[in-house]
């Protein structure tokens, strides 16, 4: 169900209402960075983004561009009708300034055996921005997709409204 008020994109902007369903996977050369507890967790210009109607993009990092020593397998899994079975990671970091151990539970996920359309993101890592200190796209701080369940990253070049915001449950 589409919202009554779709925001019209301005120059250089994308509307999430122009994204397809089922979602599309596309490579991106934009620089993607993730920070937690004073540490850079991930940094790539070889990522992917998943574009789905009403959602801001979800970004995936090649595991070679993620500091995997900070990721610990977390219990549980979930199933996406488009991508398949996801498994999760806790992010566990010893703060550089104090040595204090910090943990963000189930803050990242991966698809070890994604569906055929999403095989390029096999073993790539995605991060929940709301659980990290900071996530950047080309140096711009992202805003997490509302709702806590979704993993989209909102940047100034996107317009919504976005799934996850109040009143969007039935979309």
Protein backbone atom coordinates (compact mmCIF):
# COMPACT_ATOMS: atom_id res chain seq x y z
CA UNK A 1 0.00 0.00 0.00
CA UNK A 2 1.58 3.26 -1.10
CA UNK A 3 1.42 6.33 1.10
CA UNK A 4 -0.88 9.21 0.24
CA UNK A 5 2.02 11.64 0.09
CA UNK A 6 5.03 10.60 -1.98
CA UNK A 7 7.86 13.11 -1.77
CA UNK A 8 8.94 14.26 -5.21
CA UNK A 9 12.71 13.92 -5.70
CA UNK A 10 14.72 17.03 -6.44
CA UNK A 11 17.78 17.23 -8.68
CA UNK A 12 20.29 14.54 -7.75
CA UNK A 13 17.82 12.72 -5.49
CA UNK A 14 16.21 9.29 -5.68
CA UNK A 15 12.76 8.37 -4.45
CA UNK A 16 12.54 5.03 -2.67
CA UNK A 17 9.14 4.72 -4.36
CA UNK A 18 10.96 4.31 -7.68
CA UNK A 19 12.86 1.28 -6.35
CA UNK A 20 11.53 -2.10 -7.55
CA UNK A 21 9.73 -4.94 -5.85
CA UNK A 22 11.13 -7.55 -5.81
CA UNK A 23 14.29 -5.68 -4.80
CA UNK A 24 17.29 -5.12 -7.05
CA UNK A 25 20.94 -5.61 -6.16
CA UNK A 26 23.49 -3.22 -7.62
CA UNK A 27 27.19 -2.62 -7.15
CA UNK A 28 28.22 0.75 -5.78
CA UNK A 29 31.59 2.49 -5.84
CA UNK A 30 30.51 4.94 -3.12
CA UNK A 31 32.78 4.89 -0.10
CA UNK A 32 31.04 3.15 2.79
CA UNK A 33 32.41 3.32 6.35
CA UNK A 34 31.31 1.96 9.73
CA UNK A 35 32.63 3.00 13.16
CA UNK A 36 31.98 1.53 16.60
CA UNK A 37 33.62 2.14 20.01
CA UNK A 38 36.31 4.33 18.50
CA UNK A 39 37.31 1.75 15.88
CA UNK A 40 36.76 1.64 12.14
CA UNK A 41 34.90 -1.62 11.60
CA UNK A 42 34.49 -1.53 7.82
CA UNK A 43 35.59 0.59 4.85
CA UNK A 44 34.92 -0.17 1.19
CA UNK A 45 34.37 1.28 -2.25
CA UNK A 46 33.41 -2.18 -3.53
CA UNK A 47 30.03 -2.57 -1.87
CA UNK A 48 26.56 -3.48 -3.00
CA UNK A 49 23.23 -1.90 -2.24
CA UNK A 50 19.82 -3.51 -2.18
CA UNK A 51 17.04 -1.29 -3.50
CA UNK A 52 13.48 -2.16 -2.52
CA UNK A 53 10.28 -0.13 -2.84
CA UNK A 54 9.76 2.16 0.18
CA UNK A 55 13.12 1.30 1.79
CA UNK A 56 16.36 3.27 1.85
CA UNK A 57 19.26 1.19 0.48
CA UNK A 58 20.83 -1.52 2.58
CA UNK A 59 24.59 -1.66 1.98
CA UNK A 60 26.75 -4.79 1.91
CA UNK A 61 30.53 -4.85 2.42
CA UNK A 62 32.91 -7.51 1.10
CA UNK A 63 34.21 -9.40 4.13
CA UNK A 64 37.77 -8.55 3.00
CA UNK A 65 36.91 -4.89 3.74
CA UNK A 66 35.54 -5.61 7.23
CA UNK A 67 37.64 -5.98 10.38
CA UNK A 68 36.30 -9.48 10.96
CA UNK A 69 38.17 -9.78 14.28
CA UNK A 70 35.47 -7.50 15.75
CA UNK A 71 32.58 -9.72 14.56
CA UNK A 72 31.45 -12.67 16.67
CA UNK A 73 28.78 -15.10 15.51
CA UNK A 74 25.47 -14.40 17.28
CA UNK A 75 22.67 -16.89 17.92
CA UNK A 76 19.58 -16.98 15.77
CA UNK A 77 18.77 -16.29 12.16
CA UNK A 78 16.06 -14.76 10.02
CA UNK A 79 14.62 -15.40 6.60
CA UNK A 80 14.12 -12.86 3.81
CA UNK A 81 11.74 -13.90 1.05
CA UNK A 82 14.12 -12.33 -1.50
CA UNK A 83 17.62 -13.01 -0.19
CA UNK A 84 17.24 -16.17 1.89
CA UNK A 85 18.56 -17.16 5.34
CA UNK A 86 20.55 -14.52 7.25
CA UNK A 87 22.89 -15.11 10.15
CA UNK A 88 24.00 -12.44 12.61
CA UNK A 89 27.08 -11.05 14.30
CA UNK A 90 27.69 -9.18 17.51
CA UNK A 91 30.28 -6.42 17.21
CA UNK A 92 32.75 -6.66 20.10
CA UNK A 93 35.44 -4.01 20.45
CA UNK A 94 37.92 -3.03 23.11
CA UNK A 95 37.84 0.79 23.12
CA UNK A 96 41.14 2.27 21.96
CA UNK A 97 40.96 5.08 24.54
CA UNK A 98 40.00 3.08 27.65
CA UNK A 99 40.33 -0.62 26.86
CA UNK A 100 36.71 -1.04 27.98
CA UNK A 101 34.94 -3.84 26.11
CA UNK A 102 31.87 -2.72 24.16
CA UNK A 103 29.34 -4.96 22.45
CA UNK A 104 26.54 -4.29 19.98
CA UNK A 105 24.34 -7.38 19.84
CA UNK A 106 23.17 -8.67 16.46
CA UNK A 107 24.49 -5.49 14.85
CA UNK A 108 25.52 -7.05 11.52
CA UNK A 109 24.33 -9.85 9.28
CA UNK A 110 25.30 -11.93 6.28
CA UNK A 111 23.88 -14.42 3.78
CA UNK A 112 26.11 -17.49 3.47
CA UNK A 113 23.83 -19.01 0.82
CA UNK A 114 21.70 -16.28 -0.68
CA UNK A 115 19.12 -16.84 -3.39
CA UNK A 116 20.38 -16.83 -6.98
CA UNK A 117 19.57 -13.15 -7.61
CA UNK A 118 21.67 -12.15 -4.60
CA UNK A 119 24.70 -14.45 -4.98
CA UNK A 120 27.06 -11.46 -5.39
CA UNK A 121 26.50 -10.62 -1.68
CA UNK A 122 27.35 -14.13 -0.45
CA UNK A 123 29.34 -13.64 2.78
CA UNK A 124 29.17 -9.84 2.50
CA UNK A 125 28.37 -8.00 5.72
CA UNK A 126 25.65 -5.42 6.37
CA UNK A 127 25.38 -3.25 9.49
CA UNK A 128 22.50 -1.73 11.44
CA UNK A 129 23.38 1.97 11.50
CA UNK A 130 21.36 2.57 14.67
CA UNK A 131 23.66 0.20 16.59
CA UNK A 132 26.90 1.73 15.35
CA UNK A 133 28.51 5.00 16.45
CA UNK A 134 28.62 6.28 12.90
CA UNK A 135 28.10 5.06 9.35
CA UNK A 136 29.10 7.13 6.33
CA UNK A 137 28.33 7.13 2.61
CA UNK A 138 30.89 9.21 0.73
CA UNK A 139 31.66 11.01 4.00
CA UNK A 140 28.02 11.84 4.76
CA UNK A 141 26.72 10.55 8.11
CA UNK A 142 23.71 8.30 7.52
CA UNK A 143 20.47 8.24 9.44
CA UNK A 144 19.23 4.76 10.28
CA UNK A 145 15.99 3.55 8.76
CA UNK A 146 13.33 3.93 11.42
CA UNK A 147 11.77 0.99 13.16
CA UNK A 148 14.80 -0.94 14.40
CA UNK A 149 14.06 -4.00 12.24
CA UNK A 150 15.19 -2.65 8.88
CA UNK A 151 18.79 -2.02 7.92
CA UNK A 152 18.49 0.83 5.44
CA UNK A 153 20.78 3.84 5.47
CA UNK A 154 19.16 7.23 4.80
CA UNK A 155 21.25 9.91 3.08
CA UNK A 156 20.36 13.38 1.83
CA UNK A 157 20.03 12.17 -1.76
CA UNK A 158 16.99 10.02 -0.84
CA UNK A 159 13.35 10.96 -0.38
CA UNK A 160 10.51 8.90 1.07
CA UNK A 161 8.48 8.51 3.07
CA UNK A 162 10.38 5.43 4.25
CA UNK A 163 9.05 2.09 5.48
CA UNK A 164 9.58 1.87 9.25
CA UNK A 165 8.41 5.40 10.05
CA UNK A 166 5.28 5.81 12.19
CA UNK A 167 2.14 4.86 10.26
CA UNK A 168 3.94 2.59 7.76
CA UNK A 169 3.16 -0.81 9.27
CA UNK A 170 0.70 -1.75 6.51
CA UNK A 171 2.96 -0.89 3.57
